[in-house]
Amino acid sequence: MSDHQHDHDHDDHAPIADGGEPPAAARVRALEALLVEKGLIAREDVRERIDWLVSRTPADGARLVARAWVDPAFRERMLADARAAALELGLDPGPAPVLVAVENTASVHHMVVCTLCSCYPRALLGPPPAWYKSVPYRSRAVSDPRGVLAEFGVTLDDDVELRVLDSTADIRYLVIPRRPAGSEGSSEDELAALVTRDAMIGVAQPAAPAAARS
């Protein structure tokens, strides 16, 4: 394996022949069987890890963002060390050595991609969406990021700087989106409910409070 190792699937799914499993899945299954046979891992540990991965949702990331919105001191700690900030709230930040939080403002907008595959903070955001792993997103997020954002319904003013962040096996990113207007009286739990997975990737804005939509 190259030095770009990860806790996710590659975009490596050739057509399934004769109703069998994809080649990538067959290779993983064979590798697992070999490691179990050699006593390097236990099958139960593999199943436990898989169950942990599929149980993740964007809720933990949303909790981090909501706390950052209501607590400026926490926001600064999160921007300085997002892994430590997650642990401060009792959240599991996942296995990536470095978790970096970035803040969208009126003048700067961040958008996250993994150009090599789909590195992504699964522990805080849940499994990555299919479009995040797709070749078109991974290439166009770099070559035409404003066009990609427009397709997601996000149009930035010309004077807003757009920064595209490329995730790696060692560094994962989480975007703190701009707090929506009209949410000043919302509780922290209500704010967390406005934060979507896509907003924490940087391809969407948080939902507006119900009062603001009415």
N, C-alpha and C. Protein backbone atom coordinates (compact mmCIF):
# COMPACT_ATOMS: atom_id res chain seq x y z
N MET A 1 0.85 -1.20 0.00
CA MET A 1 0.00 0.00 0.00
C MET A 1 0.88 1.24 0.00
N SER A 2 0.43 2.31 -0.63
CA SER A 2 1.20 3.54 -0.66
C SER A 2 1.15 4.20 0.70
N ASP A 3 1.84 5.37 0.82
CA ASP A 3 1.84 6.07 2.10
C ASP A 3 0.56 6.85 2.31
N HIS A 4 -0.40 6.73 1.37
CA HIS A 4 -1.69 7.41 1.52
C HIS A 4 -2.69 6.37 2.01
N GLN A 5 -2.63 6.04 3.30
CA GLN A 5 -3.48 5.01 3.86
C GLN A 5 -4.67 5.66 4.54
N HIS A 6 -5.77 4.91 4.63
CA HIS A 6 -7.00 5.52 5.11
C HIS A 6 -7.93 4.50 5.75
N ASP A 7 -9.03 5.03 6.33
CA ASP A 7 -10.00 4.15 6.97
C ASP A 7 -11.27 4.10 6.14
N HIS A 8 -11.14 4.11 4.82
CA HIS A 8 -12.32 4.16 3.95
C HIS A 8 -12.05 3.39 2.67
N ASP A 9 -13.09 3.30 1.85
CA ASP A 9 -12.98 2.60 0.58
C ASP A 9 -12.39 3.50 -0.48
N HIS A 10 -11.66 2.90 -1.42
CA HIS A 10 -11.23 3.63 -2.60
C HIS A 10 -12.34 3.61 -3.64
N ASP A 11 -12.20 4.46 -4.63
CA ASP A 11 -13.12 4.45 -5.76
C ASP A 11 -12.62 3.37 -6.72
N ASP A 12 -12.72 2.11 -6.29
CA ASP A 12 -12.06 1.01 -6.96
C ASP A 12 -13.04 -0.14 -7.13
N HIS A 13 -14.15 0.14 -7.77
CA HIS A 13 -15.20 -0.86 -7.88
C HIS A 13 -15.44 -1.17 -9.35
N ALA A 14 -14.69 -2.12 -9.88
CA ALA A 14 -14.89 -2.54 -11.25
C ALA A 14 -16.22 -3.27 -11.35
N PRO A 15 -16.76 -3.42 -12.56
CA PRO A 15 -18.04 -4.13 -12.72
C PRO A 15 -17.99 -5.51 -12.09
N ILE A 16 -19.07 -5.92 -11.51
CA ILE A 16 -19.15 -7.22 -10.86
C ILE A 16 -19.41 -8.29 -11.91
N ALA A 17 -18.56 -9.28 -11.93
CA ALA A 17 -18.70 -10.34 -12.92
C ALA A 17 -19.43 -11.53 -12.30
N ASP A 18 -20.33 -12.11 -13.09
CA ASP A 18 -21.03 -13.33 -12.70
C ASP A 18 -21.74 -13.19 -11.36
N GLY A 19 -22.21 -11.99 -11.05
CA GLY A 19 -22.97 -11.81 -9.82
C GLY A 19 -22.15 -11.86 -8.56
N GLY A 20 -20.80 -11.86 -8.67
CA GLY A 20 -19.95 -11.91 -7.50
C GLY A 20 -19.73 -10.55 -6.90
N GLU A 21 -18.78 -10.46 -5.94
CA GLU A 21 -18.50 -9.19 -5.30
C GLU A 21 -17.47 -8.41 -6.10
N PRO A 22 -17.40 -7.10 -5.92
CA PRO A 22 -16.41 -6.29 -6.64
C PRO A 22 -14.99 -6.77 -6.32
N PRO A 23 -14.05 -6.60 -7.26
CA PRO A 23 -12.67 -7.04 -7.02
C PRO A 23 -12.07 -6.44 -5.75
N ALA A 24 -12.35 -5.15 -5.50
CA ALA A 24 -11.79 -4.52 -4.31
C ALA A 24 -12.28 -5.21 -3.04
N ALA A 25 -13.57 -5.54 -3.02
CA ALA A 25 -14.14 -6.22 -1.85
C ALA A 25 -13.53 -7.61 -1.68
N ALA A 26 -13.31 -8.30 -2.81
CA ALA A 26 -12.72 -9.63 -2.74
C ALA A 26 -11.29 -9.57 -2.19
N ARG A 27 -10.54 -8.53 -2.59
CA ARG A 27 -9.18 -8.38 -2.08
C ARG A 27 -9.18 -8.10 -0.58
N VAL A 28 -10.09 -7.24 -0.14
CA VAL A 28 -10.18 -6.93 1.29
C VAL A 28 -10.54 -8.18 2.08
N ARG A 29 -11.48 -8.97 1.55
CA ARG A 29 -11.90 -10.18 2.26
C ARG A 29 -10.74 -11.17 2.35
N ALA A 30 -9.97 -11.28 1.27
CA ALA A 30 -8.83 -12.20 1.28
C ALA A 30 -7.76 -11.72 2.26
N LEU A 31 -7.52 -10.40 2.29
CA LEU A 31 -6.54 -9.86 3.22
C LEU A 31 -6.97 -10.08 4.66
N GLU A 32 -8.25 -9.86 4.92
CA GLU A 32 -8.76 -10.09 6.28
C GLU A 32 -8.57 -11.54 6.69
N ALA A 33 -8.88 -12.46 5.79
CA ALA A 33 -8.74 -13.88 6.11
C ALA A 33 -7.28 -14.23 6.41
N LEU A 34 -6.36 -13.64 5.64
CA LEU A 34 -4.94 -13.90 5.87
C LEU A 34 -4.48 -13.38 7.22
N LEU A 35 -4.89 -12.16 7.57
CA LEU A 35 -4.49 -11.57 8.84
C LEU A 35 -5.07 -12.33 10.02
N VAL A 36 -6.31 -12.80 9.86
CA VAL A 36 -6.93 -13.60 10.92
C VAL A 36 -6.20 -14.92 11.07
N GLU A 37 -5.87 -15.54 9.93
CA GLU A 37 -5.17 -16.83 9.96
C GLU A 37 -3.82 -16.71 10.66
N LYS A 38 -3.12 -15.59 10.45
CA LYS A 38 -1.82 -15.39 11.06
C LYS A 38 -1.91 -14.89 12.51
N GLY A 39 -3.13 -14.67 12.98
CA GLY A 39 -3.31 -14.23 14.35
C GLY A 39 -2.99 -12.78 14.60
N LEU A 40 -2.92 -11.97 13.53
CA LEU A 40 -2.59 -10.55 13.69
C LEU A 40 -3.81 -9.73 14.09
N ILE A 41 -4.98 -10.19 13.70
CA ILE A 41 -6.22 -9.54 14.10
C ILE A 41 -7.25 -10.62 14.41
N ALA A 42 -8.27 -10.24 15.13
CA ALA A 42 -9.39 -11.15 15.40
C ALA A 42 -10.58 -10.74 14.55
N ARG A 43 -11.32 -11.71 14.07
CA ARG A 43 -12.46 -11.39 13.23
C ARG A 43 -13.46 -10.51 13.98
N GLU A 44 -13.56 -10.72 15.29
CA GLU A 44 -14.48 -9.90 16.08
C GLU A 44 -14.04 -8.43 16.09
N ASP A 45 -12.72 -8.20 16.10
CA ASP A 45 -12.23 -6.82 16.08
C ASP A 45 -12.58 -6.14 14.76
N VAL A 46 -12.49 -6.90 13.67
CA VAL A 46 -12.85 -6.35 12.36
C VAL A 46 -14.32 -5.96 12.35
N ARG A 47 -15.17 -6.86 12.83
CA ARG A 47 -16.60 -6.58 12.85
C ARG A 47 -16.92 -5.39 13.74
N GLU A 48 -16.24 -5.30 14.88
CA GLU A 48 -16.45 -4.16 15.79
C GLU A 48 -16.08 -2.84 15.11
N ARG A 49 -14.97 -2.85 14.39
CA ARG A 49 -14.53 -1.64 13.69
C ARG A 49 -15.51 -1.25 12.60
N ILE A 50 -16.00 -2.24 11.85
CA ILE A 50 -16.97 -1.95 10.79
C ILE A 50 -18.25 -1.39 11.39
N ASP A 51 -18.71 -1.99 12.47
CA ASP A 51 -19.93 -1.51 13.12
C ASP A 51 -19.75 -0.07 13.59
N TRP A 52 -18.55 0.25 14.11
CA TRP A 52 -18.29 1.61 14.56
C TRP A 52 -18.36 2.58 13.39
N LEU A 53 -17.75 2.20 12.26
CA LEU A 53 -17.73 3.09 11.10
C LEU A 53 -19.13 3.38 10.58
N VAL A 54 -19.95 2.34 10.45
CA VAL A 54 -21.27 2.54 9.85
C VAL A 54 -22.25 3.20 10.83
N SER A 55 -21.89 3.24 12.11
CA SER A 55 -22.79 3.86 13.09
C SER A 55 -22.59 5.37 13.20
N ARG A 56 -21.55 5.90 12.59
CA ARG A 56 -21.26 7.33 12.70
C ARG A 56 -22.29 8.15 11.92
N THR A 57 -22.61 9.34 12.42
CA THR A 57 -23.53 10.27 11.76
C THR A 57 -22.93 11.68 11.87
N PRO A 58 -23.51 12.65 11.14
CA PRO A 58 -23.02 14.03 11.26
C PRO A 58 -23.36 14.71 12.58
N ALA A 59 -24.07 14.03 13.46
CA ALA A 59 -24.54 14.67 14.69
C ALA A 59 -23.40 15.17 15.56
N ASP A 60 -22.31 14.40 15.66
CA ASP A 60 -21.21 14.83 16.52
C ASP A 60 -20.52 16.07 15.95
N GLY A 61 -20.33 16.10 14.64
CA GLY A 61 -19.75 17.29 14.02
C GLY A 61 -20.64 18.50 14.23
N ALA A 62 -21.95 18.28 14.13
CA ALA A 62 -22.90 19.38 14.34
C ALA A 62 -22.83 19.92 15.76
N ARG A 63 -22.59 19.04 16.73
CA ARG A 63 -22.44 19.49 18.12
C ARG A 63 -21.22 20.39 18.27
N LEU A 64 -20.14 20.01 17.60
CA LEU A 64 -18.93 20.83 17.65
C LEU A 64 -19.20 22.21 17.07
N VAL A 65 -19.84 22.26 15.92
CA VAL A 65 -20.12 23.53 15.26
C VAL A 65 -21.03 24.40 16.12
N ALA A 66 -22.09 23.80 16.66
CA ALA A 66 -23.02 24.57 17.50
C ALA A 66 -22.31 25.16 18.71
N ARG A 67 -21.44 24.38 19.34
CA ARG A 67 -20.72 24.91 20.49
C ARG A 67 -19.79 26.05 20.06
N ALA A 68 -19.16 25.91 18.89
CA ALA A 68 -18.29 26.97 18.39
C ALA A 68 -19.08 28.25 18.11
N TRP A 69 -20.32 28.11 17.68
CA TRP A 69 -21.15 29.29 17.40
C TRP A 69 -21.51 30.05 18.68
N VAL A 70 -21.72 29.32 19.76
CA VAL A 70 -22.21 29.98 20.98
C VAL A 70 -21.09 30.30 21.97
N ASP A 71 -19.92 29.74 21.77
CA ASP A 71 -18.83 29.91 22.73
C ASP A 71 -17.55 30.33 21.99
N PRO A 72 -17.28 31.63 21.92
CA PRO A 72 -16.10 32.10 21.18
C PRO A 72 -14.79 31.49 21.67
N ALA A 73 -14.66 31.27 22.98
CA ALA A 73 -13.43 30.69 23.51
C ALA A 73 -13.27 29.25 23.02
N PHE A 74 -14.37 28.52 23.01
CA PHE A 74 -14.31 27.15 22.49
C PHE A 74 -13.98 27.16 21.00
N ARG A 75 -14.56 28.10 20.26
CA ARG A 75 -14.27 28.19 18.82
C ARG A 75 -12.77 28.38 18.59
N GLU A 76 -12.14 29.22 19.37
CA GLU A 76 -10.71 29.43 19.21
C GLU A 76 -9.93 28.16 19.54
N ARG A 77 -10.36 27.44 20.56
CA ARG A 77 -9.68 26.18 20.89
C ARG A 77 -9.89 25.16 19.77
N MET A 78 -11.07 25.15 19.19
CA MET A 78 -11.37 24.22 18.10
C MET A 78 -10.53 24.55 16.87
N LEU A 79 -10.38 25.82 16.56
CA LEU A 79 -9.56 26.21 15.42
C LEU A 79 -8.08 25.89 15.66
N ALA A 80 -7.67 25.93 16.91
CA ALA A 80 -6.28 25.62 17.25
C ALA A 80 -6.02 24.12 17.26
N ASP A 81 -7.00 23.33 17.71
CA ASP A 81 -6.82 21.88 17.81
C ASP A 81 -8.20 21.23 17.86
N ALA A 82 -8.71 20.86 16.70
CA ALA A 82 -10.07 20.33 16.62
C ALA A 82 -10.19 18.98 17.30
N ARG A 83 -9.13 18.17 17.27
CA ARG A 83 -9.17 16.88 17.95
C ARG A 83 -9.37 17.08 19.46
N ALA A 84 -8.60 17.99 20.04
CA ALA A 84 -8.73 18.25 21.47
C ALA A 84 -10.10 18.82 21.79
N ALA A 85 -10.63 19.66 20.91
CA ALA A 85 -11.96 20.24 21.13
C ALA A 85 -13.03 19.15 21.13
N ALA A 86 -12.92 18.20 20.21
CA ALA A 86 -13.88 17.10 20.18
C ALA A 86 -13.81 16.28 21.47
N LEU A 87 -12.61 15.98 21.91
CA LEU A 87 -12.45 15.22 23.15
C LEU A 87 -12.99 16.00 24.34
N GLU A 88 -12.88 17.33 24.29
CA GLU A 88 -13.40 18.17 25.36
C GLU A 88 -14.90 17.99 25.53
N LEU A 89 -15.59 17.72 24.41
CA LEU A 89 -17.04 17.49 24.47
C LEU A 89 -17.39 16.01 24.61
N GLY A 90 -16.37 15.18 24.81
CA GLY A 90 -16.61 13.75 24.95
C GLY A 90 -16.90 13.06 23.64
N LEU A 91 -16.46 13.63 22.52
CA LEU A 91 -16.71 13.07 21.20
C LEU A 91 -15.47 12.34 20.69
N ASP A 92 -15.68 11.30 19.93
CA ASP A 92 -14.58 10.53 19.35
C ASP A 92 -14.20 11.17 18.01
N PRO A 93 -13.00 11.76 17.90
CA PRO A 93 -12.61 12.43 16.65
C PRO A 93 -12.10 11.48 15.59
N GLY A 94 -11.99 10.18 15.89
CA GLY A 94 -11.54 9.22 14.90
C GLY A 94 -10.04 9.04 14.91
N PRO A 95 -9.53 8.17 14.02
CA PRO A 95 -8.12 7.78 14.07
C PRO A 95 -7.15 8.72 13.37
N ALA A 96 -7.61 9.65 12.54
CA ALA A 96 -6.68 10.52 11.83
C ALA A 96 -5.81 11.28 12.82
N PRO A 97 -4.50 11.32 12.60
CA PRO A 97 -3.61 12.01 13.55
C PRO A 97 -3.95 13.48 13.75
N VAL A 98 -4.36 14.16 12.68
CA VAL A 98 -4.63 15.60 12.77
C VAL A 98 -6.02 15.89 12.23
N LEU A 99 -6.81 16.57 13.04
CA LEU A 99 -8.13 17.04 12.62
C LEU A 99 -8.10 18.56 12.66
N VAL A 100 -8.34 19.18 11.53
CA VAL A 100 -8.25 20.63 11.41
C VAL A 100 -9.64 21.22 11.17
N ALA A 101 -10.01 22.18 12.00
CA ALA A 101 -11.25 22.93 11.80
C ALA A 101 -10.91 24.25 11.13
N VAL A 102 -11.73 24.64 10.17
CA VAL A 102 -11.57 25.92 9.48
C VAL A 102 -12.91 26.64 9.54
N GLU A 103 -12.86 27.96 9.55
CA GLU A 103 -14.07 28.75 9.75
C GLU A 103 -14.42 29.55 8.50
N ASN A 104 -15.66 29.38 8.04
CA ASN A 104 -16.15 30.23 6.96
C ASN A 104 -16.57 31.58 7.53
N THR A 105 -16.23 32.63 6.80
CA THR A 105 -16.56 33.99 7.22
C THR A 105 -17.17 34.74 6.04
N ALA A 106 -17.42 36.01 6.24
CA ALA A 106 -17.98 36.81 5.15
C ALA A 106 -16.99 36.98 4.01
N SER A 107 -15.70 36.80 4.28
CA SER A 107 -14.69 37.04 3.25
C SER A 107 -13.96 35.77 2.79
N VAL A 108 -14.11 34.66 3.52
CA VAL A 108 -13.41 33.42 3.17
C VAL A 108 -14.37 32.24 3.26
N HIS A 109 -14.35 31.40 2.23
CA HIS A 109 -15.18 30.19 2.24
C HIS A 109 -14.28 28.99 1.98
N HIS A 110 -14.44 27.95 2.80
CA HIS A 110 -13.64 26.74 2.67
C HIS A 110 -14.48 25.60 2.09
N MET A 111 -13.83 24.78 1.29
CA MET A 111 -14.48 23.63 0.66
C MET A 111 -13.50 22.47 0.74
N VAL A 112 -13.97 21.29 1.15
CA VAL A 112 -13.09 20.16 1.39
C VAL A 112 -13.23 19.11 0.29
N VAL A 113 -12.10 18.52 -0.08
CA VAL A 113 -12.08 17.45 -1.07
C VAL A 113 -10.95 16.51 -0.68
N CYS A 114 -10.97 15.31 -1.23
CA CYS A 114 -9.81 14.43 -1.16
C CYS A 114 -9.53 14.01 -2.59
N THR A 115 -8.52 14.58 -3.20
CA THR A 115 -8.29 14.36 -4.62
C THR A 115 -7.80 12.95 -4.93
N LEU A 116 -7.18 12.26 -3.97
CA LEU A 116 -6.67 10.92 -4.23
C LEU A 116 -7.73 9.84 -4.04
N CYS A 117 -8.62 10.04 -3.08
CA CYS A 117 -9.67 9.03 -2.86
C CYS A 117 -10.83 9.67 -2.10
N SER A 118 -10.95 9.40 -0.81
CA SER A 118 -12.08 10.00 -0.08
C SER A 118 -11.79 10.13 1.40
N CYS A 119 -10.58 10.56 1.75
CA CYS A 119 -10.27 10.81 3.16
C CYS A 119 -11.25 11.83 3.72
N TYR A 120 -11.70 11.61 4.93
CA TYR A 120 -12.88 12.32 5.41
C TYR A 120 -13.06 12.02 6.90
N PRO A 121 -13.49 12.97 7.72
CA PRO A 121 -13.64 12.72 9.17
C PRO A 121 -14.88 11.92 9.49
N ARG A 122 -14.85 10.63 9.18
CA ARG A 122 -16.02 9.77 9.36
C ARG A 122 -16.55 9.78 10.79
N ALA A 123 -15.64 9.83 11.75
CA ALA A 123 -16.07 9.75 13.15
C ALA A 123 -17.03 10.87 13.51
N LEU A 124 -16.85 12.02 12.88
CA LEU A 124 -17.68 13.19 13.21
C LEU A 124 -18.77 13.47 12.18
N LEU A 125 -18.60 13.00 10.95
CA LEU A 125 -19.57 13.31 9.90
C LEU A 125 -20.30 12.08 9.35
N GLY A 126 -19.91 10.89 9.77
CA GLY A 126 -20.53 9.70 9.23
C GLY A 126 -19.89 9.33 7.90
N PRO A 127 -20.38 8.27 7.25
CA PRO A 127 -19.81 7.85 5.97
C PRO A 127 -19.88 8.96 4.93
N PRO A 128 -18.86 9.10 4.08
CA PRO A 128 -18.89 10.14 3.06
C PRO A 128 -19.97 9.86 2.02
N PRO A 129 -20.60 10.89 1.50
CA PRO A 129 -21.60 10.68 0.45
C PRO A 129 -20.94 10.18 -0.83
N ALA A 130 -21.73 9.55 -1.69
CA ALA A 130 -21.19 8.98 -2.93
C ALA A 130 -20.54 10.05 -3.80
N TRP A 131 -21.14 11.26 -3.83
CA TRP A 131 -20.58 12.29 -4.71
C TRP A 131 -19.20 12.74 -4.23
N TYR A 132 -18.94 12.66 -2.92
CA TYR A 132 -17.63 13.08 -2.40
C TYR A 132 -16.54 12.13 -2.89
N LYS A 133 -16.89 10.87 -3.07
CA LYS A 133 -15.92 9.88 -3.52
C LYS A 133 -15.79 9.83 -5.04
N SER A 134 -16.68 10.50 -5.75
CA SER A 134 -16.70 10.40 -7.21
C SER A 134 -15.53 11.13 -7.85
N VAL A 135 -15.08 10.63 -8.99
CA VAL A 135 -13.99 11.27 -9.73
C VAL A 135 -14.37 12.68 -10.18
N PRO A 136 -15.59 12.92 -10.68
CA PRO A 136 -15.93 14.30 -11.09
C PRO A 136 -15.79 15.32 -9.96
N TYR A 137 -16.27 14.98 -8.76
CA TYR A 137 -16.13 15.93 -7.65
C TYR A 137 -14.67 16.12 -7.29
N ARG A 138 -13.93 15.04 -7.19
CA ARG A 138 -12.54 15.11 -6.76
C ARG A 138 -11.69 15.92 -7.73
N SER A 139 -12.03 15.91 -9.00
CA SER A 139 -11.26 16.68 -9.98
C SER A 139 -11.79 18.10 -10.11
N ARG A 140 -13.09 18.26 -10.19
CA ARG A 140 -13.67 19.58 -10.44
C ARG A 140 -13.64 20.48 -9.21
N ALA A 141 -13.57 19.88 -8.01
CA ALA A 141 -13.46 20.71 -6.82
C ALA A 141 -12.19 21.53 -6.85
N VAL A 142 -11.18 21.04 -7.57
CA VAL A 142 -9.92 21.75 -7.69
C VAL A 142 -9.90 22.65 -8.93
N SER A 143 -10.40 22.13 -10.05
CA SER A 143 -10.33 22.88 -11.31
C SER A 143 -11.44 23.91 -11.47
N ASP A 144 -12.60 23.65 -10.88
CA ASP A 144 -13.75 24.56 -11.03
C ASP A 144 -14.57 24.58 -9.74
N PRO A 145 -13.97 25.00 -8.63
CA PRO A 145 -14.68 24.92 -7.35
C PRO A 145 -15.94 25.80 -7.29
N ARG A 146 -15.90 26.97 -7.88
CA ARG A 146 -17.09 27.82 -7.85
C ARG A 146 -18.23 27.20 -8.67
N GLY A 147 -17.87 26.54 -9.75
CA GLY A 147 -18.89 25.86 -10.53
C GLY A 147 -19.52 24.72 -9.76
N VAL A 148 -18.70 23.97 -9.03
CA VAL A 148 -19.22 22.88 -8.21
C VAL A 148 -20.14 23.42 -7.12
N LEU A 149 -19.71 24.48 -6.45
CA LEU A 149 -20.55 25.06 -5.41
C LEU A 149 -21.88 25.54 -5.97
N ALA A 150 -21.85 26.12 -7.16
CA ALA A 150 -23.09 26.60 -7.78
C ALA A 150 -24.05 25.45 -8.02
N GLU A 151 -23.52 24.28 -8.38
CA GLU A 151 -24.38 23.12 -8.59
C GLU A 151 -25.00 22.64 -7.29
N PHE A 152 -24.35 22.92 -6.17
CA PHE A 152 -24.91 22.60 -4.86
C PHE A 152 -25.82 23.71 -4.35
N GLY A 153 -25.94 24.79 -5.11
CA GLY A 153 -26.81 25.90 -4.71
C GLY A 153 -26.12 26.97 -3.90
N VAL A 154 -24.78 26.98 -3.89
CA VAL A 154 -24.02 27.98 -3.15
C VAL A 154 -23.32 28.90 -4.14
N THR A 155 -23.70 30.15 -4.13
CA THR A 155 -23.09 31.15 -5.00
C THR A 155 -22.36 32.16 -4.14
N LEU A 156 -21.07 32.29 -4.37
CA LEU A 156 -20.26 33.22 -3.59
C LEU A 156 -20.04 34.52 -4.36
N ASP A 157 -20.01 35.63 -3.64
CA ASP A 157 -19.67 36.90 -4.27
C ASP A 157 -18.24 36.85 -4.78
N ASP A 158 -17.96 37.65 -5.78
CA ASP A 158 -16.63 37.64 -6.40
C ASP A 158 -15.52 37.99 -5.42
N ASP A 159 -15.85 38.80 -4.40
CA ASP A 159 -14.81 39.22 -3.47
C ASP A 159 -14.59 38.23 -2.32
N VAL A 160 -15.31 37.10 -2.32
CA VAL A 160 -15.12 36.07 -1.30
C VAL A 160 -14.01 35.13 -1.75
N GLU A 161 -12.99 34.97 -0.93
CA GLU A 161 -11.90 34.05 -1.25
C GLU A 161 -12.35 32.62 -1.02
N LEU A 162 -12.15 31.77 -2.01
CA LEU A 162 -12.52 30.36 -1.90
C LEU A 162 -11.26 29.52 -1.73
N ARG A 163 -11.18 28.80 -0.62
CA ARG A 163 -10.03 27.95 -0.34
C ARG A 163 -10.46 26.49 -0.40
N VAL A 164 -9.83 25.74 -1.28
CA VAL A 164 -10.11 24.31 -1.42
C VAL A 164 -9.07 23.54 -0.62
N LEU A 165 -9.51 22.72 0.31
CA LEU A 165 -8.63 21.98 1.21
C LEU A 165 -8.61 20.51 0.81
N ASP A 166 -7.43 19.97 0.57
CA ASP A 166 -7.27 18.59 0.12
C ASP A 166 -6.92 17.70 1.31
N SER A 167 -7.85 16.84 1.68
CA SER A 167 -7.63 15.95 2.82
C SER A 167 -6.61 14.87 2.46
N THR A 168 -5.97 14.34 3.50
CA THR A 168 -5.02 13.24 3.33
C THR A 168 -5.28 12.21 4.42
N ALA A 169 -4.48 11.14 4.39
CA ALA A 169 -4.62 10.12 5.43
C ALA A 169 -4.26 10.68 6.80
N ASP A 170 -3.42 11.70 6.83
CA ASP A 170 -2.95 12.26 8.10
C ASP A 170 -3.73 13.48 8.56
N ILE A 171 -4.38 14.18 7.63
CA ILE A 171 -5.08 15.42 7.97
C ILE A 171 -6.50 15.37 7.42
N ARG A 172 -7.46 15.56 8.29
CA ARG A 172 -8.87 15.65 7.90
C ARG A 172 -9.37 17.04 8.28
N TYR A 173 -10.33 17.54 7.52
CA TYR A 173 -10.84 18.89 7.73
C TYR A 173 -12.32 18.88 8.09
N LEU A 174 -12.72 19.83 8.92
CA LEU A 174 -14.12 20.05 9.24
C LEU A 174 -14.38 21.55 9.16
N VAL A 175 -15.38 21.92 8.38
CA VAL A 175 -15.70 23.33 8.18
C VAL A 175 -16.69 23.80 9.24
N ILE A 176 -16.37 24.92 9.86
CA ILE A 176 -17.34 25.61 10.73
C ILE A 176 -18.07 26.61 9.83
N PRO A 177 -19.29 26.30 9.40
CA PRO A 177 -19.99 27.22 8.49
C PRO A 177 -20.43 28.48 9.21
N ARG A 178 -20.83 29.46 8.44
CA ARG A 178 -21.31 30.71 9.04
C ARG A 178 -22.66 30.45 9.73
N ARG A 179 -22.80 31.03 10.89
CA ARG A 179 -24.06 30.88 11.62
C ARG A 179 -25.18 31.57 10.85
N PRO A 180 -26.30 30.88 10.64
CA PRO A 180 -27.38 31.49 9.83
C PRO A 180 -28.04 32.67 10.53
N ALA A 181 -28.45 33.63 9.75
CA ALA A 181 -29.17 34.78 10.28
C ALA A 181 -30.49 34.33 10.90
N GLY A 182 -30.90 34.99 11.96
CA GLY A 182 -32.15 34.65 12.61
C GLY A 182 -32.03 33.58 13.67
N SER A 183 -30.79 33.10 13.92
CA SER A 183 -30.61 32.02 14.89
C SER A 183 -30.12 32.52 16.24
N GLU A 184 -30.17 33.84 16.43
CA GLU A 184 -29.60 34.42 17.65
C GLU A 184 -30.26 33.89 18.92
N GLY A 185 -31.53 33.59 18.88
CA GLY A 185 -32.23 33.12 20.08
C GLY A 185 -32.30 31.61 20.19
N SER A 186 -31.65 30.90 19.31
CA SER A 186 -31.73 29.43 19.30
C SER A 186 -30.82 28.83 20.37
N SER A 187 -31.26 27.71 20.93
CA SER A 187 -30.43 26.99 21.90
C SER A 187 -29.34 26.24 21.15
N GLU A 188 -28.38 25.72 21.91
CA GLU A 188 -27.28 24.99 21.28
C GLU A 188 -27.81 23.76 20.54
N ASP A 189 -28.78 23.06 21.12
CA ASP A 189 -29.36 21.89 20.45
C ASP A 189 -30.09 22.30 19.18
N GLU A 190 -30.79 23.42 19.25
CA GLU A 190 -31.49 23.90 18.05
C GLU A 190 -30.50 24.30 16.96
N LEU A 191 -29.39 24.88 17.36
CA LEU A 191 -28.37 25.24 16.39
C LEU A 191 -27.77 24.00 15.74
N ALA A 192 -27.50 22.99 16.55
CA ALA A 192 -26.92 21.76 16.00
C ALA A 192 -27.83 21.14 14.95
N ALA A 193 -29.13 21.28 15.13
CA ALA A 193 -30.07 20.72 14.17
C ALA A 193 -30.03 21.44 12.82
N LEU A 194 -29.44 22.63 12.79
CA LEU A 194 -29.35 23.40 11.54
C LEU A 194 -28.10 23.02 10.74
N VAL A 195 -27.18 22.32 11.37
CA VAL A 195 -25.89 22.03 10.75
C VAL A 195 -25.97 20.71 9.98
N THR A 196 -25.73 20.76 8.69
CA THR A 196 -25.78 19.55 7.87
C THR A 196 -24.38 19.04 7.57
N ARG A 197 -24.33 17.80 7.16
CA ARG A 197 -23.06 17.21 6.73
C ARG A 197 -22.42 18.04 5.62
N ASP A 198 -23.22 18.40 4.61
CA ASP A 198 -22.68 19.14 3.47
C ASP A 198 -22.13 20.50 3.88
N ALA A 199 -22.76 21.13 4.87
CA ALA A 199 -22.25 22.42 5.35
C ALA A 199 -20.89 22.26 6.00
N MET A 200 -20.64 21.11 6.63
CA MET A 200 -19.35 20.88 7.27
C MET A 200 -18.29 20.41 6.28
N ILE A 201 -18.70 20.10 5.04
CA ILE A 201 -17.76 19.85 3.95
C ILE A 201 -17.50 21.15 3.20
N GLY A 202 -18.45 22.07 3.31
CA GLY A 202 -18.29 23.37 2.68
C GLY A 202 -19.01 23.54 1.37
N VAL A 203 -19.91 22.60 1.04
CA VAL A 203 -20.65 22.71 -0.22
C VAL A 203 -22.10 23.13 -0.01
N ALA A 204 -22.44 23.52 1.19
CA ALA A 204 -23.79 23.98 1.50
C ALA A 204 -23.73 24.97 2.66
N GLN A 205 -24.82 25.71 2.82
CA GLN A 205 -24.97 26.59 3.96
C GLN A 205 -25.87 25.92 4.99
N PRO A 206 -25.73 26.22 6.27
CA PRO A 206 -26.62 25.65 7.26
C PRO A 206 -28.07 26.03 6.98
N ALA A 207 -28.97 25.19 7.45
CA ALA A 207 -30.38 25.50 7.28
C ALA A 207 -30.75 26.74 8.10
N ALA A 208 -31.72 27.48 7.61
CA ALA A 208 -32.19 28.64 8.35
C ALA A 208 -33.15 28.18 9.45
N PRO A 209 -33.19 28.88 10.58
CA PRO A 209 -34.15 28.53 11.63
C PRO A 209 -35.58 28.58 11.10
N ALA A 210 -36.45 27.79 11.67
CA ALA A 210 -37.84 27.73 11.21
C ALA A 210 -38.48 29.12 11.26
N ALA A 211 -38.19 29.89 12.30
CA ALA A 211 -38.77 31.22 12.43
C ALA A 211 -38.35 32.13 11.28
N ALA A 212 -37.11 31.97 10.85
CA ALA A 212 -36.59 32.79 9.77
C ALA A 212 -37.17 32.39 8.42
N ARG A 213 -37.58 31.10 8.31
CA ARG A 213 -38.14 30.61 7.04
C ARG A 213 -39.60 30.96 6.88
N SER A 214 -40.28 31.25 8.02
CA SER A 214 -41.72 31.49 7.96
C SER A 214 -42.02 32.92 7.54
